[in-house]
Amino acid sequence: MGSTCHSSGSKRGDFTSYDGLKPDLDNGNFEKEVLIDQRMPRGSQTLTQEQINTIQCWVDNGYPEN
């Protein structure tokens, strides 16, 4: 993730910490953008199927902070 994307103070949300990411987890936006629509991350940093599976497992388990 680039330094301008979802960093501290970003209008798109601060994903540099769990607390910053939590609102998008709770409202389903993270799951929609990353897993369903697969629009994130943008650019050349596409996720591998293994990364998608890992994130899906994390979401399925209630996205524990660990």
PDB file of N, CA and C in Angstrom:
ATOM      1  N   MET A   1       0.851  -1.163   0.000  1.00  0.00           N
ATOM      2  CA  MET A   1       0.000   0.000   0.000  1.00  0.00           C
ATOM      3  C   MET A   1       0.895   1.223   0.000  1.00  0.00           C
ATOM      4  N   GLY A   2       0.627   2.142  -0.890  1.00  0.00           N
ATOM      5  CA  GLY A   2       1.444   3.331  -1.011  1.00  0.00           C
ATOM      6  C   GLY A   2       1.283   4.259   0.170  1.00  0.00           C
ATOM      7  N   SER A   3       2.217   5.174   0.299  1.00  0.00           N
ATOM      8  CA  SER A   3       2.214   6.075   1.446  1.00  0.00           C
ATOM      9  C   SER A   3       1.020   7.017   1.440  1.00  0.00           C
ATOM     10  N   THR A   4       0.411   7.261   0.284  1.00  0.00           N
ATOM     11  CA  THR A   4      -0.735   8.161   0.227  1.00  0.00           C
ATOM     12  C   THR A   4      -2.070   7.432   0.363  1.00  0.00           C
ATOM     13  N   CYS A   5      -2.070   6.151   0.232  1.00  0.00           N
ATOM     14  CA  CYS A   5      -3.312   5.373   0.320  1.00  0.00           C
ATOM     15  C   CYS A   5      -3.565   4.925   1.748  1.00  0.00           C
ATOM     16  N   HIS A   6      -4.654   5.361   2.317  1.00  0.00           N
ATOM     17  CA  HIS A   6      -5.097   4.893   3.626  1.00  0.00           C
ATOM     18  C   HIS A   6      -4.054   5.068   4.720  1.00  0.00           C
ATOM     19  N   SER A   7      -3.271   6.145   4.635  1.00  0.00           N
ATOM     20  CA  SER A   7      -2.306   6.422   5.690  1.00  0.00           C
ATOM     21  C   SER A   7      -2.929   7.389   6.693  1.00  0.00           C
ATOM     22  N   SER A   8      -2.208   7.687   7.723  1.00  0.00           N
ATOM     23  CA  SER A   8      -2.709   8.571   8.762  1.00  0.00           C
ATOM     24  C   SER A   8      -3.166   9.896   8.154  1.00  0.00           C
ATOM     25  N   GLY A   9      -4.375  10.293   8.468  1.00  0.00           N
ATOM     26  CA  GLY A   9      -4.932  11.538   7.972  1.00  0.00           C
ATOM     27  C   GLY A   9      -5.586  11.442   6.605  1.00  0.00           C
ATOM     28  N   SER A  10      -5.579  10.278   5.993  1.00  0.00           N
ATOM     29  CA  SER A  10      -6.165  10.102   4.667  1.00  0.00           C
ATOM     30  C   SER A  10      -7.682  10.209   4.738  1.00  0.00           C
ATOM     31  N   LYS A  11      -8.276  10.863   3.740  1.00  0.00           N
ATOM     32  CA  LYS A  11      -9.738  10.951   3.659  1.00  0.00           C
ATOM     33  C   LYS A  11     -10.349   9.591   3.347  1.00  0.00           C
ATOM     34  N   ARG A  12      -9.538   8.673   2.831  1.00  0.00           N
ATOM     35  CA  ARG A  12     -10.011   7.336   2.482  1.00  0.00           C
ATOM     36  C   ARG A  12     -10.001   6.391   3.673  1.00  0.00           C
ATOM     37  N   GLY A  13      -9.523   6.853   4.798  1.00  0.00           N
ATOM     38  CA  GLY A  13      -9.435   6.030   5.989  1.00  0.00           C
ATOM     39  C   GLY A  13      -7.988   5.703   6.320  1.00  0.00           C
ATOM     40  N   ASP A  14      -7.701   5.555   7.591  1.00  0.00           N
ATOM     41  CA  ASP A  14      -6.359   5.246   8.064  1.00  0.00           C
ATOM     42  C   ASP A  14      -6.271   3.755   8.336  1.00  0.00           C
ATOM     43  N   PHE A  15      -5.629   3.038   7.436  1.00  0.00           N
ATOM     44  CA  PHE A  15      -5.502   1.592   7.578  1.00  0.00           C
ATOM     45  C   PHE A  15      -4.136   1.196   8.122  1.00  0.00           C
ATOM     46  N   THR A  16      -3.433   2.140   8.749  1.00  0.00           N
ATOM     47  CA  THR A  16      -2.124   1.830   9.311  1.00  0.00           C
ATOM     48  C   THR A  16      -2.225   1.172  10.678  1.00  0.00           C
ATOM     49  N   SER A  17      -3.437   1.098  11.213  1.00  0.00           N
ATOM     50  CA  SER A  17      -3.644   0.443  12.505  1.00  0.00           C
ATOM     51  C   SER A  17      -4.975  -0.305  12.480  1.00  0.00           C
ATOM     52  N   TYR A  18      -5.103  -1.241  13.375  1.00  0.00           N
ATOM     53  CA  TYR A  18      -6.355  -1.997  13.484  1.00  0.00           C
ATOM     54  C   TYR A  18      -7.518  -1.060  13.805  1.00  0.00           C
ATOM     55  N   ASP A  19      -7.297  -0.125  14.734  1.00  0.00           N
ATOM     56  CA  ASP A  19      -8.358   0.809  15.110  1.00  0.00           C
ATOM     57  C   ASP A  19      -8.805   1.663  13.921  1.00  0.00           C
ATOM     58  N   GLY A  20      -7.863   2.011  13.049  1.00  0.00           N
ATOM     59  CA  GLY A  20      -8.206   2.797  11.870  1.00  0.00           C
ATOM     60  C   GLY A  20      -8.982   1.991  10.847  1.00  0.00           C
ATOM     61  N   LEU A  21      -8.705   0.710  10.766  1.00  0.00           N
ATOM     62  CA  LEU A  21      -9.361  -0.182   9.806  1.00  0.00           C
ATOM     63  C   LEU A  21     -10.717  -0.676  10.305  1.00  0.00           C
ATOM     64  N   LYS A  22     -10.891  -0.715  11.610  1.00  0.00           N
ATOM     65  CA  LYS A  22     -12.082  -1.318  12.225  1.00  0.00           C
ATOM     66  C   LYS A  22     -13.408  -0.773  11.691  1.00  0.00           C
ATOM     67  N   PRO A  23     -13.579   0.531  11.501  1.00  0.00           N
ATOM     68  CA  PRO A  23     -14.871   1.009  10.970  1.00  0.00           C
ATOM     69  C   PRO A  23     -15.208   0.405   9.608  1.00  0.00           C
ATOM     70  N   ASP A  24     -14.214   0.227   8.742  1.00  0.00           N
ATOM     71  CA  ASP A  24     -14.474  -0.357   7.432  1.00  0.00           C
ATOM     72  C   ASP A  24     -14.694  -1.860   7.514  1.00  0.00           C
ATOM     73  N   LEU A  25     -14.185  -2.482   8.540  1.00  0.00           N
ATOM     74  CA  LEU A  25     -14.481  -3.893   8.784  1.00  0.00           C
ATOM     75  C   LEU A  25     -15.925  -4.032   9.249  1.00  0.00           C
ATOM     76  N   ASP A  26     -16.299  -3.193  10.209  1.00  0.00           N
ATOM     77  CA  ASP A  26     -17.637  -3.264  10.794  1.00  0.00           C
ATOM     78  C   ASP A  26     -18.747  -2.951   9.796  1.00  0.00           C
ATOM     79  N   ASN A  27     -18.508  -2.016   8.889  1.00  0.00           N
ATOM     80  CA  ASN A  27     -19.580  -1.653   7.950  1.00  0.00           C
ATOM     81  C   ASN A  27     -19.558  -2.485   6.667  1.00  0.00           C
ATOM     82  N   GLY A  28     -18.604  -3.400   6.553  1.00  0.00           N
ATOM     83  CA  GLY A  28     -18.554  -4.295   5.394  1.00  0.00           C
ATOM     84  C   GLY A  28     -17.811  -3.743   4.194  1.00  0.00           C
ATOM     85  N   ASN A  29     -17.365  -2.497   4.277  1.00  0.00           N
ATOM     86  CA  ASN A  29     -16.688  -1.885   3.142  1.00  0.00           C
ATOM     87  C   ASN A  29     -15.382  -2.604   2.786  1.00  0.00           C
ATOM     88  N   PHE A  30     -14.613  -3.000   3.798  1.00  0.00           N
ATOM     89  CA  PHE A  30     -13.351  -3.705   3.543  1.00  0.00           C
ATOM     90  C   PHE A  30     -13.608  -4.991   2.776  1.00  0.00           C
ATOM     91  N   GLU A  31     -14.541  -5.788   3.258  1.00  0.00           N
ATOM     92  CA  GLU A  31     -14.848  -7.063   2.604  1.00  0.00           C
ATOM     93  C   GLU A  31     -15.329  -6.852   1.169  1.00  0.00           C
ATOM     94  N   LYS A  32     -16.182  -5.857   0.966  1.00  0.00           N
ATOM     95  CA  LYS A  32     -16.701  -5.578  -0.377  1.00  0.00           C
ATOM     96  C   LYS A  32     -15.577  -5.161  -1.319  1.00  0.00           C
ATOM     97  N   GLU A  33     -14.750  -4.225  -0.906  1.00  0.00           N
ATOM     98  CA  GLU A  33     -13.700  -3.693  -1.772  1.00  0.00           C
ATOM     99  C   GLU A  33     -12.579  -4.704  -2.035  1.00  0.00           C
ATOM    100  N   VAL A  34     -12.199  -5.463  -1.014  1.00  0.00           N
ATOM    101  CA  VAL A  34     -11.049  -6.355  -1.131  1.00  0.00           C
ATOM    102  C   VAL A  34     -11.437  -7.755  -1.609  1.00  0.00           C
ATOM    103  N   LEU A  35     -12.490  -8.312  -1.060  1.00  0.00           N
ATOM    104  CA  LEU A  35     -12.830  -9.708  -1.357  1.00  0.00           C
ATOM    105  C   LEU A  35     -13.903  -9.883  -2.425  1.00  0.00           C
ATOM    106  N   ILE A  36     -14.925  -9.072  -2.388  1.00  0.00           N
ATOM    107  CA  ILE A  36     -16.033  -9.250  -3.320  1.00  0.00           C
ATOM    108  C   ILE A  36     -15.723  -8.592  -4.666  1.00  0.00           C
ATOM    109  N   ASP A  37     -15.487  -7.290  -4.652  1.00  0.00           N
ATOM    110  CA  ASP A  37     -15.211  -6.567  -5.897  1.00  0.00           C
ATOM    111  C   ASP A  37     -13.754  -6.683  -6.331  1.00  0.00           C
ATOM    112  N   GLN A  38     -12.887  -7.002  -5.404  1.00  0.00           N
ATOM    113  CA  GLN A  38     -11.440  -7.113  -5.619  1.00  0.00           C
ATOM    114  C   GLN A  38     -10.880  -5.868  -6.316  1.00  0.00           C
ATOM    115  N   ARG A  39     -11.316  -4.706  -5.827  1.00  0.00           N
ATOM    116  CA  ARG A  39     -10.820  -3.433  -6.370  1.00  0.00           C
ATOM    117  C   ARG A  39      -9.639  -2.896  -5.578  1.00  0.00           C
ATOM    118  N   MET A  40      -9.354  -3.505  -4.462  1.00  0.00           N
ATOM    119  CA  MET A  40      -8.242  -3.058  -3.628  1.00  0.00           C
ATOM    120  C   MET A  40      -7.306  -4.232  -3.375  1.00  0.00           C
ATOM    121  N   PRO A  41      -6.057  -4.013  -3.269  1.00  0.00           N
ATOM    122  CA  PRO A  41      -5.381  -2.735  -3.510  1.00  0.00           C
ATOM    123  C   PRO A  41      -5.340  -2.407  -4.998  1.00  0.00           C
ATOM    124  N   ARG A  42      -5.247  -1.126  -5.274  1.00  0.00           N
ATOM    125  CA  ARG A  42      -5.186  -0.665  -6.660  1.00  0.00           C
ATOM    126  C   ARG A  42      -3.756  -0.689  -7.169  1.00  0.00           C
ATOM    127  N   GLY A  43      -3.635  -0.648  -8.465  1.00  0.00           N
ATOM    128  CA  GLY A  43      -2.314  -0.578  -9.086  1.00  0.00           C
ATOM    129  C   GLY A  43      -1.719  -1.949  -9.293  1.00  0.00           C
ATOM    130  N   SER A  44      -0.424  -1.994  -9.249  1.00  0.00           N
ATOM    131  CA  SER A  44       0.297  -3.228  -9.557  1.00  0.00           C
ATOM    132  C   SER A  44       0.363  -4.187  -8.375  1.00  0.00           C
ATOM    133  N   GLN A  45      -0.150  -3.787  -7.223  1.00  0.00           N
ATOM    134  CA  GLN A  45      -0.087  -4.622  -6.024  1.00  0.00           C
ATOM    135  C   GLN A  45      -1.338  -5.486  -5.896  1.00  0.00           C
ATOM    136  N   THR A  46      -1.583  -6.350  -6.857  1.00  0.00           N
ATOM    137  CA  THR A  46      -2.747  -7.225  -6.766  1.00  0.00           C
ATOM    138  C   THR A  46      -2.477  -8.343  -5.765  1.00  0.00           C
ATOM    139  N   LEU A  47      -3.530  -8.835  -5.171  1.00  0.00           N
ATOM    140  CA  LEU A  47      -3.403  -9.896  -4.185  1.00  0.00           C
ATOM    141  C   LEU A  47      -3.352 -11.261  -4.858  1.00  0.00           C
ATOM    142  N   THR A  48      -2.557 -12.143  -4.280  1.00  0.00           N
ATOM    143  CA  THR A  48      -2.518 -13.518  -4.766  1.00  0.00           C
ATOM    144  C   THR A  48      -3.735 -14.248  -4.213  1.00  0.00           C
ATOM    145  N   GLN A  49      -4.060 -15.390  -4.784  1.00  0.00           N
ATOM    146  CA  GLN A  49      -5.179 -16.181  -4.276  1.00  0.00           C
ATOM    147  C   GLN A  49      -4.925 -16.594  -2.841  1.00  0.00           C
ATOM    148  N   GLU A  50      -3.687 -16.898  -2.495  1.00  0.00           N
ATOM    149  CA  GLU A  50      -3.348 -17.262  -1.119  1.00  0.00           C
ATOM    150  C   GLU A  50      -3.630 -16.102  -0.166  1.00  0.00           C
ATOM    151  N   GLN A  51      -3.285 -14.886  -0.561  1.00  0.00           N
ATOM    152  CA  GLN A  51      -3.560 -13.714   0.276  1.00  0.00           C
ATOM    153  C   GLN A  51      -5.068 -13.504   0.415  1.00  0.00           C
ATOM    154  N   ILE A  52      -5.803 -13.661  -0.675  1.00  0.00           N
ATOM    155  CA  ILE A  52      -7.260 -13.519  -0.629  1.00  0.00           C
ATOM    156  C   ILE A  52      -7.857 -14.557   0.313  1.00  0.00           C
ATOM    157  N   ASN A  53      -7.391 -15.796   0.237  1.00  0.00           N
ATOM    158  CA  ASN A  53      -7.878 -16.860   1.122  1.00  0.00           C
ATOM    159  C   ASN A  53      -7.577 -16.541   2.579  1.00  0.00           C
ATOM    160  N   THR A  54      -6.395 -16.014   2.855  1.00  0.00           N
ATOM    161  CA  THR A  54      -6.014 -15.656   4.226  1.00  0.00           C
ATOM    162  C   THR A  54      -6.909 -14.541   4.757  1.00  0.00           C
ATOM    163  N   ILE A  55      -7.149 -13.527   3.938  1.00  0.00           N
ATOM    164  CA  ILE A  55      -8.016 -12.416   4.347  1.00  0.00           C
ATOM    165  C   ILE A  55      -9.436 -12.907   4.549  1.00  0.00           C
ATOM    166  N   GLN A  56      -9.917 -13.777   3.668  1.00  0.00           N
ATOM    167  CA  GLN A  56     -11.274 -14.323   3.805  1.00  0.00           C
ATOM    168  C   GLN A  56     -11.411 -15.098   5.110  1.00  0.00           C
ATOM    169  N   CYS A  57     -10.408 -15.881   5.458  1.00  0.00           N
ATOM    170  CA  CYS A  57     -10.415 -16.629   6.719  1.00  0.00           C
ATOM    171  C   CYS A  57     -10.466 -15.663   7.904  1.00  0.00           C
ATOM    172  N   TRP A  58      -9.688 -14.592   7.837  1.00  0.00           N
ATOM    173  CA  TRP A  58      -9.655 -13.581   8.897  1.00  0.00           C
ATOM    174  C   TRP A  58     -11.030 -12.927   9.048  1.00  0.00           C
ATOM    175  N   VAL A  59     -11.653 -12.559   7.931  1.00  0.00           N
ATOM    176  CA  VAL A  59     -12.987 -11.946   7.967  1.00  0.00           C
ATOM    177  C   VAL A  59     -14.013 -12.946   8.508  1.00  0.00           C
ATOM    178  N   ASP A  60     -13.949 -14.188   8.011  1.00  0.00           N
ATOM    179  CA  ASP A  60     -14.890 -15.229   8.447  1.00  0.00           C
ATOM    180  C   ASP A  60     -14.812 -15.479   9.952  1.00  0.00           C
ATOM    181  N   ASN A  61     -13.663 -15.234  10.538  1.00  0.00           N
ATOM    182  CA  ASN A  61     -13.467 -15.458  11.975  1.00  0.00           C
ATOM    183  C   ASN A  61     -13.671 -14.191  12.799  1.00  0.00           C
ATOM    184  N   GLY A  62     -14.276 -13.182  12.199  1.00  0.00           N
ATOM    185  CA  GLY A  62     -14.585 -11.958  12.928  1.00  0.00           C
ATOM    186  C   GLY A  62     -13.450 -10.975  13.009  1.00  0.00           C
ATOM    187  N   TYR A  63     -12.482 -11.080  12.079  1.00  0.00           N
ATOM    188  CA  TYR A  63     -11.299 -10.231  11.993  1.00  0.00           C
ATOM    189  C   TYR A  63     -10.672  -9.921  13.353  1.00  0.00           C
ATOM    190  N   PRO A  64     -10.185 -10.982  14.018  1.00  0.00           N
ATOM    191  CA  PRO A  64      -9.546 -10.770  15.316  1.00  0.00           C
ATOM    192  C   PRO A  64      -8.286  -9.911  15.179  1.00  0.00           C
ATOM    193  N   GLU A  65      -8.005  -9.149  16.196  1.00  0.00           N
ATOM    194  CA  GLU A  65      -6.815  -8.309  16.212  1.00  0.00           C
ATOM    195  C   GLU A  65      -5.621  -9.116  16.693  1.00  0.00           C
ATOM    196  N   ASN A  66      -4.942  -9.725  15.753  1.00  0.00           N
ATOM    197  CA  ASN A  66      -3.713 -10.474  16.077  1.00  0.00           C
ATOM    198  C   ASN A  66      -2.857 -10.645  14.876  1.00  0.00           C
TER     199      ASN A  66
END
